Structures are given as C-alpha cells and as structure tokens.
C-alpha cells in the first residue's frame, strides 16, 4: 500500500489530530491555534475557516500569510528526525508545527514555545 503524502492530506483531517494531542495532555485548542498563528500568520478565524474547507495540508503551509522568521529557532526531534536538518522546506514547515504542538503537550510555558 503506498504511503500517503502528508502534504496531500486534508488540513481539516490533520489539524484536529494536533488539537487532540494537546488536549489529551491538558492543553487547549486555543493554545494550539495560538502556536499555529504564531508560526503561520493565519488568525484563529482563518484556521477555523480552513478546517471547513478542502485545503490540503501542503497548501495550508504554502499559502501561509506570514511564516514567522523566528521559526528557525525551533530545534529538536520530531518522529526521530532533527527538524532543523529536514531538507525539504515544506516538510520542515510542517514539522515545525508538529514540534510546537509536542512542546505544548509536554507542558512547556507558552513564552518558551513561542521563542519569546
């Protein structure tokens, strides 16, 4: 069975998985939206609208209004891979969001997560 390319998958299908991961660890949807907003420049309203659309996960990142220049400060491993070492720029952006949600789920303070 061929592996599905995450960039082709629906944002509406994947984003709730990020939210669930954080909520299971005592964080909130609002906090997931906050880190997503910080990373991409979308507003919480934009994100809610995109969850009701057929936007692909790849297009969510490709069309982001303002990727945060401080995202390059996000380091560490996601799924055993150093995020800063990912060569594919789109996949690196996707993994940055995964890493931010991981940090939320691990209980890091928001100021630390947002590299403030």
N, C-alpha and C. Protein backbone atom coordinates (compact mmCIF):
# COMPACT_ATOMS: atom_id res chain seq x y z
N UNK A 1 0.85 -1.18 0.00
CA UNK A 1 0.00 0.00 0.00
C UNK A 1 0.90 1.25 0.00
N UNK A 2 0.72 2.15 -0.95
CA UNK A 2 1.58 3.34 -1.00
C UNK A 2 1.31 4.27 0.18
N UNK A 3 2.38 4.91 0.65
CA UNK A 3 2.25 5.84 1.76
C UNK A 3 1.64 7.14 1.25
N UNK A 4 0.67 7.66 1.98
CA UNK A 4 0.03 8.91 1.58
C UNK A 4 0.96 10.06 1.93
N UNK A 5 1.14 10.96 1.00
CA UNK A 5 1.95 12.15 1.22
C UNK A 5 1.15 13.10 2.12
N UNK A 6 1.72 13.44 3.27
CA UNK A 6 1.02 14.28 4.24
C UNK A 6 0.63 15.62 3.64
N UNK A 7 1.39 16.11 2.67
CA UNK A 7 1.07 17.41 2.06
C UNK A 7 -0.22 17.35 1.25
N UNK A 8 -0.60 16.14 0.81
CA UNK A 8 -1.82 15.97 0.02
C UNK A 8 -3.05 15.75 0.90
N UNK A 9 -2.81 15.43 2.16
CA UNK A 9 -3.92 15.14 3.06
C UNK A 9 -4.68 16.42 3.41
N UNK A 10 -5.89 16.27 3.86
CA UNK A 10 -6.76 17.39 4.17
C UNK A 10 -6.35 18.07 5.48
N UNK A 11 -6.25 19.40 5.45
CA UNK A 11 -5.99 20.16 6.67
C UNK A 11 -7.09 19.86 7.69
N UNK A 12 -8.34 19.77 7.21
CA UNK A 12 -9.49 19.52 8.09
C UNK A 12 -9.38 18.16 8.80
N UNK A 13 -8.64 17.25 8.24
CA UNK A 13 -8.46 15.93 8.84
C UNK A 13 -7.27 15.92 9.82
N UNK A 14 -6.20 16.65 9.48
CA UNK A 14 -4.98 16.61 10.28
C UNK A 14 -4.98 17.57 11.47
N UNK A 15 -5.54 18.76 11.30
CA UNK A 15 -5.47 19.74 12.38
C UNK A 15 -6.14 19.25 13.67
N UNK A 16 -7.31 18.60 13.57
CA UNK A 16 -7.91 18.07 14.81
C UNK A 16 -7.02 17.05 15.53
N UNK A 17 -6.17 16.36 14.81
CA UNK A 17 -5.25 15.41 15.44
C UNK A 17 -4.23 16.16 16.31
N UNK A 18 -3.76 17.32 15.82
CA UNK A 18 -2.85 18.14 16.61
C UNK A 18 -3.56 18.65 17.87
N UNK A 19 -4.79 19.09 17.69
CA UNK A 19 -5.56 19.58 18.83
C UNK A 19 -5.76 18.47 19.86
N UNK A 20 -6.16 17.30 19.40
CA UNK A 20 -6.38 16.17 20.32
C UNK A 20 -5.13 15.81 21.09
N UNK A 21 -3.98 15.85 20.43
CA UNK A 21 -2.71 15.53 21.09
C UNK A 21 -2.47 16.47 22.26
N UNK A 22 -2.71 17.77 22.04
CA UNK A 22 -2.50 18.77 23.09
C UNK A 22 -3.56 18.65 24.19
N UNK A 23 -4.81 18.47 23.80
CA UNK A 23 -5.91 18.40 24.77
C UNK A 23 -5.74 17.21 25.70
N UNK A 24 -5.28 16.07 25.17
CA UNK A 24 -5.04 14.88 26.00
C UNK A 24 -4.04 15.16 27.11
N UNK A 25 -3.16 16.14 26.88
CA UNK A 25 -2.12 16.48 27.86
C UNK A 25 -2.50 17.73 28.66
N UNK A 26 -3.78 18.12 28.62
CA UNK A 26 -4.24 19.21 29.45
C UNK A 26 -4.11 20.60 28.84
N UNK A 27 -3.78 20.68 27.56
CA UNK A 27 -3.71 21.99 26.90
C UNK A 27 -5.03 22.23 26.17
N UNK A 28 -5.16 23.37 25.51
CA UNK A 28 -6.44 23.73 24.88
C UNK A 28 -6.31 23.93 23.38
N UNK A 29 -7.46 23.90 22.73
CA UNK A 29 -7.49 24.20 21.30
C UNK A 29 -6.96 25.61 21.05
N UNK A 30 -7.33 26.54 21.95
CA UNK A 30 -6.89 27.93 21.81
C UNK A 30 -5.36 28.01 21.80
N UNK A 31 -4.71 27.19 22.62
CA UNK A 31 -3.25 27.19 22.65
C UNK A 31 -2.67 26.62 21.35
N UNK A 32 -3.31 25.60 20.81
CA UNK A 32 -2.85 25.05 19.52
C UNK A 32 -3.03 26.12 18.43
N UNK A 33 -4.18 26.79 18.45
CA UNK A 33 -4.40 27.88 17.49
C UNK A 33 -3.34 28.97 17.67
N UNK A 34 -2.99 29.27 18.93
CA UNK A 34 -2.02 30.33 19.20
C UNK A 34 -0.65 29.99 18.61
N UNK A 35 -0.19 28.75 18.79
CA UNK A 35 1.12 28.40 18.23
C UNK A 35 1.05 28.33 16.70
N UNK A 36 -0.09 27.90 16.17
CA UNK A 36 -0.26 27.83 14.72
C UNK A 36 -0.28 29.24 14.13
N UNK A 37 -0.95 30.16 14.80
CA UNK A 37 -1.00 31.56 14.38
C UNK A 37 0.41 32.17 14.42
N UNK A 38 1.12 31.90 15.50
CA UNK A 38 2.49 32.42 15.64
C UNK A 38 3.37 31.93 14.48
N UNK A 39 3.24 30.64 14.15
CA UNK A 39 4.08 30.06 13.11
C UNK A 39 3.71 30.56 11.71
N UNK A 40 2.41 30.63 11.42
CA UNK A 40 1.96 30.81 10.03
C UNK A 40 1.44 32.20 9.68
N UNK A 41 0.99 32.95 10.68
CA UNK A 41 0.37 34.24 10.39
C UNK A 41 -1.12 34.16 10.14
N UNK A 42 -1.69 32.96 10.10
CA UNK A 42 -3.14 32.83 9.99
C UNK A 42 -3.76 33.29 11.32
N UNK A 43 -4.98 33.82 11.27
CA UNK A 43 -5.71 34.12 12.51
C UNK A 43 -6.47 32.86 12.94
N UNK A 44 -6.95 32.86 14.17
CA UNK A 44 -7.76 31.73 14.64
C UNK A 44 -9.00 31.56 13.77
N UNK A 45 -9.55 32.68 13.31
CA UNK A 45 -10.73 32.64 12.42
C UNK A 45 -10.36 32.00 11.08
N UNK A 46 -9.17 32.36 10.55
CA UNK A 46 -8.70 31.75 9.31
C UNK A 46 -8.60 30.24 9.46
N UNK A 47 -8.02 29.82 10.59
CA UNK A 47 -7.82 28.39 10.85
C UNK A 47 -9.17 27.68 10.91
N UNK A 48 -10.12 28.27 11.63
CA UNK A 48 -11.46 27.67 11.74
C UNK A 48 -12.11 27.55 10.36
N UNK A 49 -11.93 28.59 9.52
CA UNK A 49 -12.49 28.56 8.17
C UNK A 49 -11.81 27.47 7.33
N UNK A 50 -10.50 27.36 7.45
CA UNK A 50 -9.76 26.35 6.67
C UNK A 50 -10.15 24.93 7.09
N UNK A 51 -10.54 24.76 8.35
CA UNK A 51 -10.99 23.43 8.81
C UNK A 51 -12.29 23.02 8.14
N UNK A 52 -13.02 23.99 7.61
CA UNK A 52 -14.29 23.70 6.93
C UNK A 52 -14.10 23.63 5.41
N UNK A 53 -12.87 23.72 4.96
CA UNK A 53 -12.59 23.74 3.52
C UNK A 53 -11.93 22.43 3.10
N UNK A 54 -11.62 22.35 1.81
CA UNK A 54 -10.91 21.16 1.31
C UNK A 54 -9.43 21.46 1.08
N UNK A 55 -8.91 22.46 1.78
CA UNK A 55 -7.50 22.83 1.68
C UNK A 55 -6.60 21.66 2.08
N UNK A 56 -5.57 21.43 1.30
CA UNK A 56 -4.62 20.38 1.66
C UNK A 56 -3.66 20.90 2.72
N UNK A 57 -3.04 19.99 3.44
CA UNK A 57 -2.09 20.37 4.47
C UNK A 57 -0.91 21.13 3.85
N UNK A 58 -0.47 20.68 2.70
CA UNK A 58 0.61 21.37 2.00
C UNK A 58 0.23 22.79 1.63
N UNK A 59 -0.99 22.97 1.10
CA UNK A 59 -1.44 24.31 0.72
C UNK A 59 -1.61 25.21 1.93
N UNK A 60 -1.99 24.63 3.07
CA UNK A 60 -2.09 25.42 4.30
C UNK A 60 -0.76 26.12 4.58
N UNK A 61 0.33 25.38 4.43
CA UNK A 61 1.66 25.96 4.67
C UNK A 61 2.14 26.81 3.50
N UNK A 62 1.90 26.35 2.27
CA UNK A 62 2.33 27.11 1.08
C UNK A 62 1.69 28.49 1.04
N UNK A 63 0.44 28.58 1.48
CA UNK A 63 -0.33 29.83 1.39
C UNK A 63 -0.33 30.62 2.70
N UNK A 64 0.48 30.22 3.65
CA UNK A 64 0.51 30.92 4.94
C UNK A 64 0.81 32.40 4.73
N UNK A 65 0.04 33.27 5.39
CA UNK A 65 0.22 34.71 5.18
C UNK A 65 1.58 35.24 5.60
N UNK A 66 2.14 34.71 6.68
CA UNK A 66 3.40 35.29 7.19
C UNK A 66 4.12 34.29 8.08
N UNK A 67 4.93 33.43 7.48
CA UNK A 67 5.69 32.47 8.28
C UNK A 67 6.62 33.25 9.21
N UNK A 68 6.61 32.89 10.48
CA UNK A 68 7.37 33.62 11.49
C UNK A 68 8.87 33.47 11.25
N UNK A 69 9.60 34.57 11.16
CA UNK A 69 11.05 34.46 10.93
C UNK A 69 11.78 33.76 12.08
N UNK A 70 11.19 33.76 13.26
CA UNK A 70 11.83 33.08 14.41
C UNK A 70 11.60 31.57 14.40
N UNK A 71 10.90 31.07 13.40
CA UNK A 71 10.65 29.61 13.36
C UNK A 71 11.96 28.83 13.23
N UNK A 72 13.00 29.47 12.72
CA UNK A 72 14.28 28.77 12.60
C UNK A 72 14.91 28.49 13.97
N UNK A 73 14.35 29.11 15.01
CA UNK A 73 14.82 28.83 16.38
C UNK A 73 14.24 27.52 16.91
N UNK A 74 13.28 26.95 16.19
CA UNK A 74 12.67 25.68 16.60
C UNK A 74 13.65 24.56 16.25
N UNK A 75 14.11 23.87 17.27
CA UNK A 75 15.06 22.78 17.05
C UNK A 75 14.60 21.57 17.85
N UNK A 76 15.21 20.45 17.55
CA UNK A 76 14.88 19.22 18.26
C UNK A 76 14.33 18.18 17.31
N UNK A 77 13.90 17.08 17.91
CA UNK A 77 13.44 15.95 17.10
C UNK A 77 11.93 15.82 17.09
N UNK A 78 11.43 15.45 15.90
CA UNK A 78 10.04 15.07 15.72
C UNK A 78 10.08 13.76 14.96
N UNK A 79 9.46 12.75 15.52
CA UNK A 79 9.48 11.41 14.89
C UNK A 79 10.93 10.96 14.66
N UNK A 80 11.82 11.30 15.58
CA UNK A 80 13.21 10.87 15.50
C UNK A 80 14.07 11.62 14.50
N UNK A 81 13.53 12.69 13.92
CA UNK A 81 14.28 13.46 12.91
C UNK A 81 14.49 14.88 13.42
N UNK A 82 15.73 15.38 13.30
CA UNK A 82 16.03 16.76 13.68
C UNK A 82 15.28 17.70 12.73
N UNK A 83 14.40 18.54 13.26
CA UNK A 83 13.61 19.41 12.39
C UNK A 83 14.49 20.37 11.59
N UNK A 84 15.53 20.88 12.21
CA UNK A 84 16.37 21.85 11.51
C UNK A 84 17.19 21.21 10.39
N UNK A 85 17.25 19.88 10.37
CA UNK A 85 18.02 19.17 9.35
C UNK A 85 17.16 18.69 8.18
N UNK A 86 15.85 18.92 8.24
CA UNK A 86 14.97 18.48 7.16
C UNK A 86 15.22 19.36 5.93
N UNK A 87 15.58 18.73 4.83
CA UNK A 87 15.96 19.48 3.64
C UNK A 87 14.79 20.04 2.86
N UNK A 88 13.69 19.30 2.78
CA UNK A 88 12.51 19.77 2.05
C UNK A 88 11.87 20.92 2.84
N UNK A 89 11.87 22.14 2.27
CA UNK A 89 11.36 23.30 3.02
C UNK A 89 9.92 23.14 3.48
N UNK A 90 9.06 22.58 2.65
CA UNK A 90 7.65 22.40 3.03
C UNK A 90 7.53 21.42 4.19
N UNK A 91 8.25 20.31 4.12
CA UNK A 91 8.20 19.32 5.19
C UNK A 91 8.77 19.90 6.49
N UNK A 92 9.79 20.76 6.37
CA UNK A 92 10.35 21.40 7.57
C UNK A 92 9.28 22.28 8.23
N UNK A 93 8.52 23.04 7.43
CA UNK A 93 7.45 23.89 7.99
C UNK A 93 6.42 23.03 8.72
N UNK A 94 6.04 21.92 8.11
CA UNK A 94 5.07 21.00 8.72
C UNK A 94 5.61 20.47 10.05
N UNK A 95 6.86 20.08 10.06
CA UNK A 95 7.46 19.54 11.28
C UNK A 95 7.66 20.60 12.35
N UNK A 96 7.83 21.86 11.94
CA UNK A 96 7.90 22.94 12.94
C UNK A 96 6.60 22.96 13.74
N UNK A 97 5.46 22.86 13.04
CA UNK A 97 4.18 22.88 13.76
C UNK A 97 4.06 21.64 14.65
N UNK A 98 4.47 20.49 14.15
CA UNK A 98 4.45 19.27 14.97
C UNK A 98 5.26 19.48 16.25
N UNK A 99 6.43 20.10 16.11
CA UNK A 99 7.31 20.32 17.25
C UNK A 99 6.68 21.28 18.25
N UNK A 100 6.04 22.35 17.76
CA UNK A 100 5.38 23.29 18.66
C UNK A 100 4.27 22.60 19.46
N UNK A 101 3.49 21.76 18.79
CA UNK A 101 2.42 21.04 19.48
C UNK A 101 3.01 20.02 20.46
N UNK A 102 4.11 19.37 20.10
CA UNK A 102 4.80 18.47 21.03
C UNK A 102 5.20 19.22 22.30
N UNK A 103 5.75 20.43 22.11
CA UNK A 103 6.19 21.22 23.27
C UNK A 103 5.00 21.62 24.13
N UNK A 104 3.88 21.96 23.50
CA UNK A 104 2.65 22.24 24.25
C UNK A 104 2.26 21.02 25.07
N UNK A 105 2.21 19.87 24.42
CA UNK A 105 1.79 18.63 25.07
C UNK A 105 2.73 18.25 26.22
N UNK A 106 3.98 18.66 26.13
CA UNK A 106 4.94 18.36 27.20
C UNK A 106 4.88 19.37 28.34
N UNK A 107 3.98 20.35 28.22
CA UNK A 107 3.78 21.29 29.31
C UNK A 107 4.69 22.50 29.33
N UNK A 108 5.41 22.75 28.24
CA UNK A 108 6.29 23.93 28.21
C UNK A 108 5.44 25.20 28.31
N UNK A 109 5.98 26.24 28.95
CA UNK A 109 5.27 27.52 29.00
C UNK A 109 5.16 28.14 27.60
N UNK A 110 4.05 28.83 27.36
CA UNK A 110 3.79 29.42 26.03
C UNK A 110 4.92 30.36 25.61
N UNK A 111 5.44 31.18 26.52
CA UNK A 111 6.51 32.12 26.15
C UNK A 111 7.72 31.38 25.61
N UNK A 112 8.02 30.22 26.19
CA UNK A 112 9.16 29.42 25.73
C UNK A 112 8.86 28.80 24.35
N UNK A 113 7.65 28.31 24.19
CA UNK A 113 7.25 27.70 22.92
C UNK A 113 7.33 28.72 21.79
N UNK A 114 6.89 29.96 22.06
CA UNK A 114 6.86 31.00 21.04
C UNK A 114 8.18 31.74 20.89
N UNK A 115 9.23 31.16 21.50
CA UNK A 115 10.58 31.69 21.37
C UNK A 115 10.63 33.17 21.72
N UNK A 116 9.86 33.53 22.77
CA UNK A 116 9.78 34.95 23.18
C UNK A 116 10.95 35.34 24.07
